[in-house]
PDB file of N, CA and C in Angstrom:
ATOM      1  N   MET A   1     -11.301  48.252  -4.349  1.00  0.00           N
ATOM      2  CA  MET A   1     -10.850  48.518  -5.847  1.00  0.00           C
ATOM      3  C   MET A   1     -10.122  49.688  -6.393  1.00  0.00           C
ATOM      4  N   GLU A   2      -8.554  50.051  -6.486  1.00  0.00           N
ATOM      5  CA  GLU A   2      -7.833  51.509  -6.756  1.00  0.00           C
ATOM      6  C   GLU A   2      -7.834  51.316  -7.874  1.00  0.00           C
ATOM      7  N   LEU A   3      -7.689  52.519  -8.948  1.00  0.00           N
ATOM      8  CA  LEU A   3      -7.434  53.224 -10.267  1.00  0.00           C
ATOM      9  C   LEU A   3      -5.972  53.760 -10.135  1.00  0.00           C
ATOM     10  N   LEU A   4      -4.946  53.220 -10.481  1.00  0.00           N
ATOM     11  CA  LEU A   4      -3.885  54.070 -10.319  1.00  0.00           C
ATOM     12  C   LEU A   4      -3.222  54.393 -12.037  1.00  0.00           C
ATOM     13  N   ILE A   5      -2.761  56.072 -12.123  1.00  0.00           N
ATOM     14  CA  ILE A   5      -2.517  56.068 -13.546  1.00  0.00           C
ATOM     15  C   ILE A   5      -1.221  56.731 -13.462  1.00  0.00           C
ATOM     16  N   PHE A   6      -0.633  56.654 -14.544  1.00  0.00           N
ATOM     17  CA  PHE A   6       0.597  56.991 -14.877  1.00  0.00           C
ATOM     18  C   PHE A   6       1.015  57.789 -15.576  1.00  0.00           C
ATOM     19  N   GLN A   7       1.904  58.222 -16.088  1.00  0.00           N
ATOM     20  CA  GLN A   7       2.497  58.492 -17.476  1.00  0.00           C
ATOM     21  C   GLN A   7       3.700  58.120 -17.476  1.00  0.00           C
ATOM     22  N   THR A   8       3.859  57.637 -18.653  1.00  0.00           N
ATOM     23  CA  THR A   8       5.606  56.598 -18.960  1.00  0.00           C
ATOM     24  C   THR A   8       5.615  56.784 -20.017  1.00  0.00           C
ATOM     25  N   ASP A   9       7.175  56.133 -20.777  1.00  0.00           N
ATOM     26  CA  ASP A   9       7.878  56.453 -22.105  1.00  0.00           C
ATOM     27  C   ASP A   9       7.923  55.430 -22.513  1.00  0.00           C
ATOM     28  N   ILE A  10       6.928  54.134 -22.124  1.00  0.00           N
ATOM     29  CA  ILE A  10       6.954  53.030 -23.046  1.00  0.00           C
ATOM     30  C   ILE A  10       6.065  53.093 -24.235  1.00  0.00           C
ATOM     31  N   LYS A  11       6.913  53.067 -25.021  1.00  0.00           N
ATOM     32  CA  LYS A  11       5.862  53.710 -26.368  1.00  0.00           C
ATOM     33  C   LYS A  11       6.236  52.853 -27.388  1.00  0.00           C
ATOM     34  N   SER A  12       6.487  51.216 -27.351  1.00  0.00           N
ATOM     35  CA  SER A  12       6.399  50.228 -28.155  1.00  0.00           C
ATOM     36  C   SER A  12       5.815  48.745 -27.515  1.00  0.00           C
ATOM     37  N   LYS A  13       5.174  47.757 -28.685  1.00  0.00           N
ATOM     38  CA  LYS A  13       4.680  46.856 -28.086  1.00  0.00           C
ATOM     39  C   LYS A  13       5.394  46.095 -26.982  1.00  0.00           C
ATOM     40  N   ASN A  14       6.926  45.825 -28.261  1.00  0.00           N
ATOM     41  CA  ASN A  14       8.127  45.477 -27.139  1.00  0.00           C
ATOM     42  C   ASN A  14       8.199  45.542 -26.240  1.00  0.00           C
ATOM     43  N   LYS A  15       8.464  46.745 -25.681  1.00  0.00           N
ATOM     44  CA  LYS A  15       8.584  47.220 -24.297  1.00  0.00           C
ATOM     45  C   LYS A  15       7.558  46.811 -23.528  1.00  0.00           C
ATOM     46  N   VAL A  16       6.158  47.199 -23.899  1.00  0.00           N
ATOM     47  CA  VAL A  16       4.645  46.422 -23.053  1.00  0.00           C
ATOM     48  C   VAL A  16       5.191  45.201 -23.158  1.00  0.00           C
ATOM     49  N   LYS A  17       5.764  44.485 -23.615  1.00  0.00           N
ATOM     50  CA  LYS A  17       5.843  43.021 -23.898  1.00  0.00           C
ATOM     51  C   LYS A  17       6.737  42.851 -22.650  1.00  0.00           C
ATOM     52  N   SER A  18       7.908  43.139 -22.380  1.00  0.00           N
ATOM     53  CA  SER A  18       9.016  43.672 -21.932  1.00  0.00           C
ATOM     54  C   SER A  18       9.016  43.688 -20.009  1.00  0.00           C
ATOM     55  N   ILE A  19       7.524  44.120 -19.765  1.00  0.00           N
ATOM     56  CA  ILE A  19       6.974  44.427 -18.337  1.00  0.00           C
ATOM     57  C   ILE A  19       5.642  43.650 -18.089  1.00  0.00           C
ATOM     58  N   LYS A  20       5.394  43.184 -19.028  1.00  0.00           N
ATOM     59  CA  LYS A  20       4.242  41.762 -19.023  1.00  0.00           C
ATOM     60  C   LYS A  20       3.907  41.128 -17.940  1.00  0.00           C
ATOM     61  N   PRO A  21       5.391  40.357 -17.407  1.00  0.00           N
ATOM     62  CA  PRO A  21       5.469  39.277 -16.789  1.00  0.00           C
ATOM     63  C   PRO A  21       5.450  40.129 -15.008  1.00  0.00           C
ATOM     64  N   LEU A  22       5.785  41.412 -15.777  1.00  0.00           N
ATOM     65  CA  LEU A  22       6.240  41.730 -14.167  1.00  0.00           C
ATOM     66  C   LEU A  22       5.256  42.230 -13.539  1.00  0.00           C
ATOM     67  N   LEU A  23       3.710  42.908 -14.337  1.00  0.00           N
ATOM     68  CA  LEU A  23       2.504  43.203 -14.111  1.00  0.00           C
ATOM     69  C   LEU A  23       1.433  42.177 -13.843  1.00  0.00           C
ATOM     70  N   ASN A  24       1.895  41.064 -15.157  1.00  0.00           N
ATOM     71  CA  ASN A  24       0.708  39.915 -14.494  1.00  0.00           C
ATOM     72  C   ASN A  24       0.744  39.555 -13.415  1.00  0.00           C
ATOM     73  N   ASN A  25       1.828  38.868 -12.742  1.00  0.00           N
ATOM     74  CA  ASN A  25       2.511  38.460 -11.801  1.00  0.00           C
ATOM     75  C   ASN A  25       2.759  39.316 -10.679  1.00  0.00           C
ATOM     76  N   HIS A  26       2.001  40.408 -10.478  1.00  0.00           N
ATOM     77  CA  HIS A  26       2.237  41.255  -8.993  1.00  0.00           C
ATOM     78  C   HIS A  26       0.608  40.551  -8.404  1.00  0.00           C
ATOM     79  N   SER A  27       0.848  40.096  -7.171  1.00  0.00           N
ATOM     80  CA  SER A  27      -0.176  39.873  -6.665  1.00  0.00           C
ATOM     81  C   SER A  27      -1.070  41.518  -6.580  1.00  0.00           C
ATOM     82  N   ASP A  28      -1.029  42.219  -6.266  1.00  0.00           N
ATOM     83  CA  ASP A  28      -2.112  43.206  -6.022  1.00  0.00           C
ATOM     84  C   ASP A  28      -2.868  43.843  -7.288  1.00  0.00           C
ATOM     85  N   ILE A  29      -2.223  43.559  -8.266  1.00  0.00           N
ATOM     86  CA  ILE A  29      -2.738  43.742  -9.596  1.00  0.00           C
ATOM     87  C   ILE A  29      -3.800  43.603 -10.218  1.00  0.00           C
ATOM     88  N   ILE A  30      -5.036  43.693 -10.858  1.00  0.00           N
ATOM     89  CA  ILE A  30      -5.547  43.047 -10.967  1.00  0.00           C
ATOM     90  C   ILE A  30      -6.287  43.065 -12.231  1.00  0.00           C
ATOM     91  N   LYS A  31      -5.901  44.021 -13.217  1.00  0.00           N
ATOM     92  CA  LYS A  31      -6.124  44.389 -14.546  1.00  0.00           C
ATOM     93  C   LYS A  31      -5.105  46.134 -15.043  1.00  0.00           C
ATOM     94  N   TRP A  32      -4.234  45.191 -16.031  1.00  0.00           N
ATOM     95  CA  TRP A  32      -3.602  46.845 -16.391  1.00  0.00           C
ATOM     96  C   TRP A  32      -3.624  47.235 -17.871  1.00  0.00           C
ATOM     97  N   SER A  33      -3.383  48.007 -18.490  1.00  0.00           N
ATOM     98  CA  SER A  33      -3.491  48.187 -19.695  1.00  0.00           C
ATOM     99  C   SER A  33      -2.280  50.068 -20.015  1.00  0.00           C
ATOM    100  N   ILE A  34      -1.741  49.666 -20.868  1.00  0.00           N
ATOM    101  CA  ILE A  34      -0.584  50.684 -21.654  1.00  0.00           C
ATOM    102  C   ILE A  34      -1.732  51.172 -22.762  1.00  0.00           C
ATOM    103  N   ASP A  35      -1.589  53.025 -23.212  1.00  0.00           N
ATOM    104  CA  ASP A  35      -2.240  53.569 -24.261  1.00  0.00           C
ATOM    105  C   ASP A  35      -1.223  53.626 -25.411  1.00  0.00           C
ATOM    106  N   LEU A  36      -0.645  53.348 -25.992  1.00  0.00           N
ATOM    107  CA  LEU A  36       0.399  53.473 -26.852  1.00  0.00           C
ATOM    108  C   LEU A  36      -0.194  54.724 -27.837  1.00  0.00           C
ATOM    109  N   GLU A  37      -1.466  54.798 -27.776  1.00  0.00           N
ATOM    110  CA  GLU A  37      -1.828  56.084 -28.851  1.00  0.00           C
ATOM    111  C   GLU A  37      -2.050  57.364 -27.727  1.00  0.00           C
ATOM    112  N   ASP A  38      -1.896  57.234 -26.660  1.00  0.00           N
ATOM    113  CA  ASP A  38      -1.951  58.361 -25.905  1.00  0.00           C
ATOM    114  C   ASP A  38      -0.188  58.878 -26.172  1.00  0.00           C
ATOM    115  N   ILE A  39      -0.390  60.204 -25.949  1.00  0.00           N
ATOM    116  CA  ILE A  39       1.308  61.030 -26.038  1.00  0.00           C
ATOM    117  C   ILE A  39       1.803  60.577 -24.803  1.00  0.00           C
ATOM    118  N   ASP A  40       1.158  60.553 -23.657  1.00  0.00           N
ATOM    119  CA  ASP A  40       2.314  60.395 -22.594  1.00  0.00           C
ATOM    120  C   ASP A  40       2.064  58.917 -22.029  1.00  0.00           C
ATOM    121  N   ASN A  41       1.337  58.012 -23.168  1.00  0.00           N
ATOM    122  CA  ASN A  41       1.962  56.574 -22.877  1.00  0.00           C
ATOM    123  C   ASN A  41       1.106  56.349 -21.375  1.00  0.00           C
ATOM    124  N   VAL A  42       0.212  56.423 -21.257  1.00  0.00           N
ATOM    125  CA  VAL A  42      -0.694  56.379 -19.762  1.00  0.00           C
ATOM    126  C   VAL A  42      -0.355  55.003 -19.386  1.00  0.00           C
ATOM    127  N   LEU A  43      -0.444  54.806 -18.598  1.00  0.00           N
ATOM    128  CA  LEU A  43      -0.500  53.432 -17.760  1.00  0.00           C
ATOM    129  C   LEU A  43      -1.386  53.270 -16.591  1.00  0.00           C
ATOM    130  N   ARG A  44      -2.095  52.548 -17.236  1.00  0.00           N
ATOM    131  CA  ARG A  44      -3.954  52.283 -15.943  1.00  0.00           C
ATOM    132  C   ARG A  44      -3.564  51.037 -15.505  1.00  0.00           C
ATOM    133  N   ILE A  45      -3.447  51.133 -14.375  1.00  0.00           N
ATOM    134  CA  ILE A  45      -3.597  49.922 -13.321  1.00  0.00           C
ATOM    135  C   ILE A  45      -5.079  49.787 -11.925  1.00  0.00           C
ATOM    136  N   GLU A  46      -5.674  48.665 -12.594  1.00  0.00           N
ATOM    137  CA  GLU A  46      -6.884  48.411 -10.957  1.00  0.00           C
ATOM    138  C   GLU A  46      -6.388  47.516 -10.450  1.00  0.00           C
ATOM    139  N   ALA A  47      -5.852  47.811  -9.132  1.00  0.00           N
ATOM    140  CA  ALA A  47      -5.600  47.246  -8.179  1.00  0.00           C
ATOM    141  C   ALA A  47      -6.351  47.444  -7.005  1.00  0.00           C
ATOM    142  N   THR A  48      -5.368  46.415  -6.256  1.00  0.00           N
ATOM    143  CA  THR A  48      -6.331  46.132  -4.632  1.00  0.00           C
ATOM    144  C   THR A  48      -5.870  47.179  -3.931  1.00  0.00           C
ATOM    145  N   ALA A  49      -6.457  47.577  -2.749  1.00  0.00           N
ATOM    146  CA  ALA A  49      -6.515  48.868  -1.725  1.00  0.00           C
ATOM    147  C   ALA A  49      -4.445  48.488  -1.597  1.00  0.00           C
ATOM    148  N   ASN A  50      -4.257  47.222  -1.392  1.00  0.00           N
ATOM    149  CA  ASN A  50      -2.755  47.429  -0.645  1.00  0.00           C
ATOM    150  C   ASN A  50      -1.964  47.976  -1.622  1.00  0.00           C
ATOM    151  N   LEU A  51      -1.765  48.262  -2.761  1.00  0.00           N
ATOM    152  CA  LEU A  51      -0.709  48.353  -3.858  1.00  0.00           C
ATOM    153  C   LEU A  51      -0.290  50.059  -3.656  1.00  0.00           C
ATOM    154  N   LEU A  52       0.378  50.783  -3.395  1.00  0.00           N
ATOM    155  CA  LEU A  52       0.749  51.928  -3.270  1.00  0.00           C
ATOM    156  C   LEU A  52       1.411  52.394  -4.330  1.00  0.00           C
ATOM    157  N   GLU A  53       1.148  53.811  -5.330  1.00  0.00           N
ATOM    158  CA  GLU A  53       2.000  54.571  -6.654  1.00  0.00           C
ATOM    159  C   GLU A  53       3.271  54.335  -6.332  1.00  0.00           C
ATOM    160  N   GLU A  54       4.023  54.478  -5.243  1.00  0.00           N
ATOM    161  CA  GLU A  54       5.180  54.397  -5.268  1.00  0.00           C
ATOM    162  C   GLU A  54       6.244  52.646  -5.135  1.00  0.00           C
ATOM    163  N   GLU A  55       5.307  51.793  -5.101  1.00  0.00           N
ATOM    164  CA  GLU A  55       5.939  50.576  -5.343  1.00  0.00           C
ATOM    165  C   GLU A  55       5.579  50.513  -6.786  1.00  0.00           C
ATOM    166  N   VAL A  56       4.489  50.541  -7.760  1.00  0.00           N
ATOM    167  CA  VAL A  56       4.655  50.972  -9.284  1.00  0.00           C
ATOM    168  C   VAL A  56       5.725  51.287  -9.660  1.00  0.00           C
ATOM    169  N   ILE A  57       5.763  52.799  -9.468  1.00  0.00           N
ATOM    170  CA  ILE A  57       6.922  53.532  -9.870  1.00  0.00           C
ATOM    171  C   ILE A  57       8.370  52.859  -9.772  1.00  0.00           C
ATOM    172  N   ASP A  58       8.414  52.386  -8.313  1.00  0.00           N
ATOM    173  CA  ASP A  58       9.797  51.693  -8.258  1.00  0.00           C
ATOM    174  C   ASP A  58      10.085  50.408  -9.149  1.00  0.00           C
ATOM    175  N   LEU A  59       8.727  49.988  -9.397  1.00  0.00           N
ATOM    176  CA  LEU A  59       8.733  48.819  -9.996  1.00  0.00           C
ATOM    177  C   LEU A  59       8.978  48.794 -11.961  1.00  0.00           C
ATOM    178  N   ILE A  60       8.566  49.947 -11.864  1.00  0.00           N
ATOM    179  CA  ILE A  60       8.727  50.403 -13.465  1.00  0.00           C
ATOM    180  C   ILE A  60      10.037  50.182 -14.017  1.00  0.00           C
ATOM    181  N   LYS A  61      10.406  51.682 -12.845  1.00  0.00           N
ATOM    182  CA  LYS A  61      11.843  52.514 -13.131  1.00  0.00           C
ATOM    183  C   LYS A  61      12.666  51.280 -12.833  1.00  0.00           C
ATOM    184  N   ASP A  62      12.983  50.323 -12.000  1.00  0.00           N
ATOM    185  CA  ASP A  62      13.666  49.063 -12.126  1.00  0.00           C
ATOM    186  C   ASP A  62      14.007  48.475 -13.369  1.00  0.00           C
ATOM    187  N   HIS A  63      13.493  48.550 -14.301  1.00  0.00           N
ATOM    188  CA  HIS A  63      13.626  47.931 -15.528  1.00  0.00           C
ATOM    189  C   HIS A  63      13.828  48.964 -16.568  1.00  0.00           C
ATOM    190  N   GLY A  64      14.117  50.270 -15.918  1.00  0.00           N
ATOM    191  CA  GLY A  64      14.708  51.202 -17.041  1.00  0.00           C
ATOM    192  C   GLY A  64      13.647  52.076 -17.445  1.00  0.00           C
ATOM    193  N   PHE A  65      12.451  52.049 -17.076  1.00  0.00           N
ATOM    194  CA  PHE A  65      11.264  53.244 -17.909  1.00  0.00           C
ATOM    195  C   PHE A  65      11.172  54.488 -16.774  1.00  0.00           C
ATOM    196  N   ASP A  66      11.038  55.499 -17.249  1.00  0.00           N
ATOM    197  CA  ASP A  66      10.571  56.594 -17.252  1.00  0.00           C
ATOM    198  C   ASP A  66       8.835  56.396 -16.614  1.00  0.00           C
ATOM    199  N   ILE A  67       8.758  56.424 -15.408  1.00  0.00           N
ATOM    200  CA  ILE A  67       7.117  56.932 -15.098  1.00  0.00           C
ATOM    201  C   ILE A  67       7.247  57.883 -13.941  1.00  0.00           C
ATOM    202  N   GLN A  68       6.181  58.513 -13.975  1.00  0.00           N
ATOM    203  CA  GLN A  68       5.419  59.691 -13.072  1.00  0.00           C
ATOM    204  C   GLN A  68       3.917  58.956 -12.758  1.00  0.00           C
ATOM    205  N   SER A  69       3.288  59.616 -12.145  1.00  0.00           N
ATOM    206  CA  SER A  69       2.131  59.691 -11.493  1.00  0.00           C
ATOM    207  C   SER A  69       1.373  60.612 -11.906  1.00  0.00           C
ATOM    208  N   LEU A  70      -0.049  60.568 -12.595  1.00  0.00           N
ATOM    209  CA  LEU A  70      -0.916  61.598 -13.133  1.00  0.00           C
ATOM    210  C   LEU A  70      -1.811  61.667 -12.159  1.00  0.00           C
TER     211      LEU A  70
END
């Protein structure tokens, strides 16, 4: 299992809801969370070894959010 951690601009519950189906339905993502209390709005993903950071970055950017690896 891999742990991927990203800084995002996902700053509200509504924005989290907008990407929820995207992350929930991804076959390589086991568990994920966004810390809205953290200044960096940290996205943590537990995933299979098949998931690459670049895939997550592209996926989130395609939905209009800024994201970078921490």
